[in-house]
Amino acid sequence: MPERAGGPADGRTLICCRCNAALTIRRTEFSYLAHSFFAELPSCPVCGQAFVSEDLVNGRIADVERNLEDK
């Protein structure tokens, strides 16, 4: 099964440990050094907490940080 945007590759449902609600995909804004970018992430519909996968942190977010710091 292909990996869903920000979700687990095996298709399991992610659950918020605070609210016990199933996470839904939402557009999430990140800010760094006065710049913003967006990603579609699994987020809790109750409290808004987003799940940021290790792949996203080590991939796209790390690339954005490097690019902004090099400027």
C-alpha atoms as a PDB file:
ATOM      1  CA  MET A   1       0.000   0.000   0.000  1.00  0.00           C
ATOM      2  CA  PRO A   2       1.438   3.463  -0.820  1.00  0.00           C
ATOM      3  CA  GLU A   3       2.173   5.778   2.070  1.00  0.00           C
ATOM      4  CA  ARG A   4      -0.502   8.344   2.783  1.00  0.00           C
ATOM      5  CA  ALA A   5       0.523  11.984   3.229  1.00  0.00           C
ATOM      6  CA  GLY A   6       2.286  11.971   6.565  1.00  0.00           C
ATOM      7  CA  GLY A   7       0.575   8.788   7.718  1.00  0.00           C
ATOM      8  CA  PRO A   8       1.841   5.299   8.428  1.00  0.00           C
ATOM      9  CA  ALA A   9       2.695   3.190   5.398  1.00  0.00           C
ATOM     10  CA  ASP A  10       0.710   0.202   6.691  1.00  0.00           C
ATOM     11  CA  GLY A  11      -2.590   2.128   6.620  1.00  0.00           C
ATOM     12  CA  ARG A  12      -3.215   1.999  10.376  1.00  0.00           C
ATOM     13  CA  THR A  13      -5.234   4.816  11.911  1.00  0.00           C
ATOM     14  CA  LEU A  14      -3.291   7.187  14.135  1.00  0.00           C
ATOM     15  CA  ILE A  15      -4.975   8.088  17.439  1.00  0.00           C
ATOM     16  CA  CYS A  16      -4.355  11.234  19.522  1.00  0.00           C
ATOM     17  CA  CYS A  17      -2.958  10.168  22.899  1.00  0.00           C
ATOM     18  CA  ARG A  18      -4.471  13.262  24.552  1.00  0.00           C
ATOM     19  CA  CYS A  19      -8.018  13.099  23.125  1.00  0.00           C
ATOM     20  CA  ASN A  20      -8.275   9.470  21.951  1.00  0.00           C
ATOM     21  CA  ALA A  21      -9.609  10.738  18.602  1.00  0.00           C
ATOM     22  CA  ALA A  22      -8.617   9.438  15.167  1.00  0.00           C
ATOM     23  CA  LEU A  23      -6.294  11.841  13.351  1.00  0.00           C
ATOM     24  CA  THR A  24      -7.441  13.381  10.083  1.00  0.00           C
ATOM     25  CA  ILE A  25      -5.298  14.923   7.329  1.00  0.00           C
ATOM     26  CA  ARG A  26      -5.142  18.718   7.647  1.00  0.00           C
ATOM     27  CA  ARG A  27      -3.063  21.491   6.123  1.00  0.00           C
ATOM     28  CA  THR A  28      -0.485  22.477   8.742  1.00  0.00           C
ATOM     29  CA  GLU A  29       1.699  25.592   8.701  1.00  0.00           C
ATOM     30  CA  PHE A  30       5.347  25.559   9.785  1.00  0.00           C
ATOM     31  CA  SER A  31       7.345  28.736  10.471  1.00  0.00           C
ATOM     32  CA  TYR A  32      11.123  29.059  10.607  1.00  0.00           C
ATOM     33  CA  LEU A  33      13.265  32.202  10.418  1.00  0.00           C
ATOM     34  CA  ALA A  34      10.223  34.334   9.467  1.00  0.00           C
ATOM     35  CA  HIS A  35       9.341  32.003   6.550  1.00  0.00           C
ATOM     36  CA  SER A  36       6.367  29.655   6.374  1.00  0.00           C
ATOM     37  CA  PHE A  37       5.605  26.462   4.497  1.00  0.00           C
ATOM     38  CA  PHE A  38       2.727  24.024   4.579  1.00  0.00           C
ATOM     39  CA  ALA A  39       2.326  20.262   4.728  1.00  0.00           C
ATOM     40  CA  GLU A  40      -0.681  17.954   4.828  1.00  0.00           C
ATOM     41  CA  LEU A  41      -0.336  16.124   8.169  1.00  0.00           C
ATOM     42  CA  PRO A  42      -2.435  13.819  10.333  1.00  0.00           C
ATOM     43  CA  SER A  43      -3.870  16.076  13.058  1.00  0.00           C
ATOM     44  CA  CYS A  44      -6.280  15.686  15.936  1.00  0.00           C
ATOM     45  CA  PRO A  45      -9.680  17.204  15.088  1.00  0.00           C
ATOM     46  CA  VAL A  46     -10.244  17.948  18.797  1.00  0.00           C
ATOM     47  CA  CYS A  47      -7.014  19.548  20.095  1.00  0.00           C
ATOM     48  CA  GLY A  48      -5.208  20.234  16.799  1.00  0.00           C
ATOM     49  CA  GLN A  49      -1.998  18.366  17.736  1.00  0.00           C
ATOM     50  CA  ALA A  50      -0.205  17.269  14.541  1.00  0.00           C
ATOM     51  CA  PHE A  51       1.788  14.090  13.947  1.00  0.00           C
ATOM     52  CA  VAL A  52       5.090  14.929  12.237  1.00  0.00           C
ATOM     53  CA  SER A  53       6.769  11.798  10.901  1.00  0.00           C
ATOM     54  CA  GLU A  54      10.503  11.201  11.185  1.00  0.00           C
ATOM     55  CA  ASP A  55      10.702  11.062   7.381  1.00  0.00           C
ATOM     56  CA  LEU A  56       9.230  14.556   7.104  1.00  0.00           C
ATOM     57  CA  VAL A  57      11.542  15.932   9.808  1.00  0.00           C
ATOM     58  CA  ASN A  58      14.671  14.433   8.257  1.00  0.00           C
ATOM     59  CA  GLY A  59      13.575  15.197   4.693  1.00  0.00           C
ATOM     60  CA  ARG A  60      11.559  18.238   3.716  1.00  0.00           C
ATOM     61  CA  ILE A  61      11.843  20.156   7.000  1.00  0.00           C
ATOM     62  CA  ALA A  62      15.615  19.646   7.162  1.00  0.00           C
ATOM     63  CA  ASP A  63      15.904  20.819   3.529  1.00  0.00           C
ATOM     64  CA  VAL A  64      13.901  23.978   4.249  1.00  0.00           C
ATOM     65  CA  GLU A  65      16.022  24.738   7.336  1.00  0.00           C
ATOM     66  CA  ARG A  66      19.263  24.292   5.373  1.00  0.00           C
ATOM     67  CA  ASN A  67      18.062  26.468   2.504  1.00  0.00           C
ATOM     68  CA  LEU A  68      16.944  29.282   4.812  1.00  0.00           C
ATOM     69  CA  GLU A  69      20.116  29.191   6.901  1.00  0.00           C
ATOM     70  CA  ASP A  70      22.289  29.309   3.766  1.00  0.00           C
ATOM     71  CA  LYS A  71      20.658  32.581   2.647  1.00  0.00           C
END
